[in-house]
């Protein structure tokens, strides 16, 4: 076996290891996302709704318990999540299209 072949095999082996780990991590992330996806859409619907506005106004009026976690009532937290979600979905779409263009499925 030549040195060129040995180096090529080593390089391809590293690609196999790296791609395999990345694909496994992405699959795990997709599993977690799919388990919470319906909750995300419920949150998105809640944000800006009358119920959210009522909860926001109650918080502003000091009617909510002091120890209550209320990040969902900050205008930025949910908006930022929605923005991040849309950017990620567009990124995933581009990745799928790129893959389909490169390889026939």
C-alpha atoms as a PDB file:
ATOM      1  CA  UNK A   1       0.000   0.000   0.000  1.00  0.00           C
ATOM      2  CA  UNK A   2       1.400   3.383  -0.933  1.00  0.00           C
ATOM      3  CA  UNK A   3       1.793   6.352   1.386  1.00  0.00           C
ATOM      4  CA  UNK A   4      -0.818   8.233  -0.669  1.00  0.00           C
ATOM      5  CA  UNK A   5      -3.349   5.455  -0.104  1.00  0.00           C
ATOM      6  CA  UNK A   6      -2.565   5.307   3.607  1.00  0.00           C
ATOM      7  CA  UNK A   7      -3.013   9.067   3.985  1.00  0.00           C
ATOM      8  CA  UNK A   8      -6.241   8.995   1.968  1.00  0.00           C
ATOM      9  CA  UNK A   9      -7.664   6.215   4.133  1.00  0.00           C
ATOM     10  CA  UNK A  10      -6.684   8.063   7.321  1.00  0.00           C
ATOM     11  CA  UNK A  11      -8.333  11.229   6.028  1.00  0.00           C
ATOM     12  CA  UNK A  12     -11.509   9.409   4.989  1.00  0.00           C
ATOM     13  CA  UNK A  13     -11.580   7.612   8.353  1.00  0.00           C
ATOM     14  CA  UNK A  14     -11.453  10.964  10.140  1.00  0.00           C
ATOM     15  CA  UNK A  15     -14.307  12.198   7.903  1.00  0.00           C
ATOM     16  CA  UNK A  16     -16.298   9.092   8.853  1.00  0.00           C
ATOM     17  CA  UNK A  17     -15.730   9.684  12.567  1.00  0.00           C
ATOM     18  CA  UNK A  18     -16.495  13.407  12.417  1.00  0.00           C
ATOM     19  CA  UNK A  19     -19.566  13.106  10.179  1.00  0.00           C
ATOM     20  CA  UNK A  20     -20.885  10.150  12.167  1.00  0.00           C
ATOM     21  CA  UNK A  21     -20.643  12.091  15.441  1.00  0.00           C
ATOM     22  CA  UNK A  22     -22.248  15.198  13.906  1.00  0.00           C
ATOM     23  CA  UNK A  23     -25.128  13.202  12.418  1.00  0.00           C
ATOM     24  CA  UNK A  24     -25.743  11.412  15.728  1.00  0.00           C
ATOM     25  CA  UNK A  25     -25.774  14.745  17.594  1.00  0.00           C
ATOM     26  CA  UNK A  26     -28.139  16.266  15.030  1.00  0.00           C
ATOM     27  CA  UNK A  27     -30.458  13.258  15.299  1.00  0.00           C
ATOM     28  CA  UNK A  28     -30.532  13.640  19.089  1.00  0.00           C
ATOM     29  CA  UNK A  29     -31.240  17.363  18.746  1.00  0.00           C
ATOM     30  CA  UNK A  30     -34.044  16.634  16.284  1.00  0.00           C
ATOM     31  CA  UNK A  31     -35.526  14.117  18.728  1.00  0.00           C
ATOM     32  CA  UNK A  32     -35.520  16.775  21.482  1.00  0.00           C
ATOM     33  CA  UNK A  33     -36.976  19.386  19.123  1.00  0.00           C
ATOM     34  CA  UNK A  34     -39.745  17.098  17.888  1.00  0.00           C
ATOM     35  CA  UNK A  35     -40.743  16.325  21.480  1.00  0.00           C
ATOM     36  CA  UNK A  36     -41.157  20.048  22.236  1.00  0.00           C
ATOM     37  CA  UNK A  37     -42.304  21.346  18.848  1.00  0.00           C
ATOM     38  CA  UNK A  38     -46.005  21.474  19.785  1.00  0.00           C
ATOM     39  CA  UNK A  39     -45.105  23.349  22.980  1.00  0.00           C
ATOM     40  CA  UNK A  40     -43.122  25.875  20.934  1.00  0.00           C
ATOM     41  CA  UNK A  41     -46.130  26.541  18.683  1.00  0.00           C
ATOM     42  CA  UNK A  42     -48.396  26.942  21.731  1.00  0.00           C
ATOM     43  CA  UNK A  43     -45.928  29.478  23.116  1.00  0.00           C
ATOM     44  CA  UNK A  44     -45.828  31.290  19.781  1.00  0.00           C
ATOM     45  CA  UNK A  45     -49.642  31.467  19.755  1.00  0.00           C
ATOM     46  CA  UNK A  46     -49.695  32.696  23.367  1.00  0.00           C
ATOM     47  CA  UNK A  47     -47.218  35.487  22.693  1.00  0.00           C
ATOM     48  CA  UNK A  48     -49.113  38.625  21.752  1.00  0.00           C
ATOM     49  CA  UNK A  49     -52.500  37.038  22.450  1.00  0.00           C
ATOM     50  CA  UNK A  50     -55.111  38.541  24.778  1.00  0.00           C
ATOM     51  CA  UNK A  51     -54.092  36.014  27.440  1.00  0.00           C
ATOM     52  CA  UNK A  52     -50.458  37.092  27.159  1.00  0.00           C
ATOM     53  CA  UNK A  53     -51.480  40.748  27.371  1.00  0.00           C
ATOM     54  CA  UNK A  54     -53.626  40.034  30.448  1.00  0.00           C
ATOM     55  CA  UNK A  55     -50.703  38.208  32.086  1.00  0.00           C
ATOM     56  CA  UNK A  56     -48.296  41.003  31.115  1.00  0.00           C
ATOM     57  CA  UNK A  57     -50.601  43.666  32.586  1.00  0.00           C
ATOM     58  CA  UNK A  58     -51.019  41.644  35.784  1.00  0.00           C
ATOM     59  CA  UNK A  59     -47.249  41.495  36.081  1.00  0.00           C
ATOM     60  CA  UNK A  60     -46.894  45.231  35.467  1.00  0.00           C
ATOM     61  CA  UNK A  61     -49.536  45.903  38.153  1.00  0.00           C
ATOM     62  CA  UNK A  62     -47.631  43.742  40.661  1.00  0.00           C
ATOM     63  CA  UNK A  63     -50.414  41.160  40.881  1.00  0.00           C
ATOM     64  CA  UNK A  64     -48.205  38.114  40.285  1.00  0.00           C
ATOM     65  CA  UNK A  65     -46.290  36.291  43.054  1.00  0.00           C
ATOM     66  CA  UNK A  66     -42.762  37.564  43.686  1.00  0.00           C
ATOM     67  CA  UNK A  67     -41.052  34.205  43.144  1.00  0.00           C
ATOM     68  CA  UNK A  68     -42.846  33.416  39.885  1.00  0.00           C
ATOM     69  CA  UNK A  69     -40.510  32.923  36.952  1.00  0.00           C
ATOM     70  CA  UNK A  70     -41.880  35.186  34.215  1.00  0.00           C
ATOM     71  CA  UNK A  71     -39.404  35.366  31.362  1.00  0.00           C
ATOM     72  CA  UNK A  72     -42.292  34.503  29.058  1.00  0.00           C
ATOM     73  CA  UNK A  73     -43.735  37.948  29.851  1.00  0.00           C
ATOM     74  CA  UNK A  74     -40.643  39.792  28.715  1.00  0.00           C
ATOM     75  CA  UNK A  75     -41.204  41.017  25.212  1.00  0.00           C
ATOM     76  CA  UNK A  76     -37.683  40.116  24.112  1.00  0.00           C
ATOM     77  CA  UNK A  77     -37.372  36.502  25.331  1.00  0.00           C
ATOM     78  CA  UNK A  78     -40.215  35.033  23.297  1.00  0.00           C
ATOM     79  CA  UNK A  79     -39.611  37.308  20.305  1.00  0.00           C
ATOM     80  CA  UNK A  80     -35.941  36.293  20.249  1.00  0.00           C
ATOM     81  CA  UNK A  81     -36.916  32.609  20.426  1.00  0.00           C
ATOM     82  CA  UNK A  82     -39.337  33.047  17.516  1.00  0.00           C
ATOM     83  CA  UNK A  83     -36.659  34.834  15.498  1.00  0.00           C
ATOM     84  CA  UNK A  84     -34.104  32.111  16.303  1.00  0.00           C
ATOM     85  CA  UNK A  85     -36.623  29.405  15.380  1.00  0.00           C
ATOM     86  CA  UNK A  86     -37.379  30.965  12.009  1.00  0.00           C
ATOM     87  CA  UNK A  87     -33.677  31.401  11.249  1.00  0.00           C
ATOM     88  CA  UNK A  88     -33.000  27.781  12.196  1.00  0.00           C
ATOM     89  CA  UNK A  89     -35.874  26.491  10.056  1.00  0.00           C
ATOM     90  CA  UNK A  90     -34.535  28.483   7.082  1.00  0.00           C
ATOM     91  CA  UNK A  91     -31.054  27.080   7.740  1.00  0.00           C
ATOM     92  CA  UNK A  92     -32.397  23.526   7.863  1.00  0.00           C
ATOM     93  CA  UNK A  93     -34.330  24.112   4.651  1.00  0.00           C
ATOM     94  CA  UNK A  94     -31.189  25.355   2.898  1.00  0.00           C
ATOM     95  CA  UNK A  95     -29.245  22.332   4.167  1.00  0.00           C
ATOM     96  CA  UNK A  96     -31.889  19.928   2.855  1.00  0.00           C
ATOM     97  CA  UNK A  97     -32.037  21.656  -0.523  1.00  0.00           C
ATOM     98  CA  UNK A  98     -28.233  21.669  -0.783  1.00  0.00           C
ATOM     99  CA  UNK A  99     -28.146  17.961   0.016  1.00  0.00           C
ATOM    100  CA  UNK A 100     -30.841  17.181  -2.527  1.00  0.00           C
ATOM    101  CA  UNK A 101     -29.003  19.156  -5.200  1.00  0.00           C
ATOM    102  CA  UNK A 102     -25.734  17.392  -4.520  1.00  0.00           C
ATOM    103  CA  UNK A 103     -27.111  13.866  -4.211  1.00  0.00           C
ATOM    104  CA  UNK A 104     -30.181  12.398  -5.836  1.00  0.00           C
ATOM    105  CA  UNK A 105     -32.772  11.033  -3.422  1.00  0.00           C
END
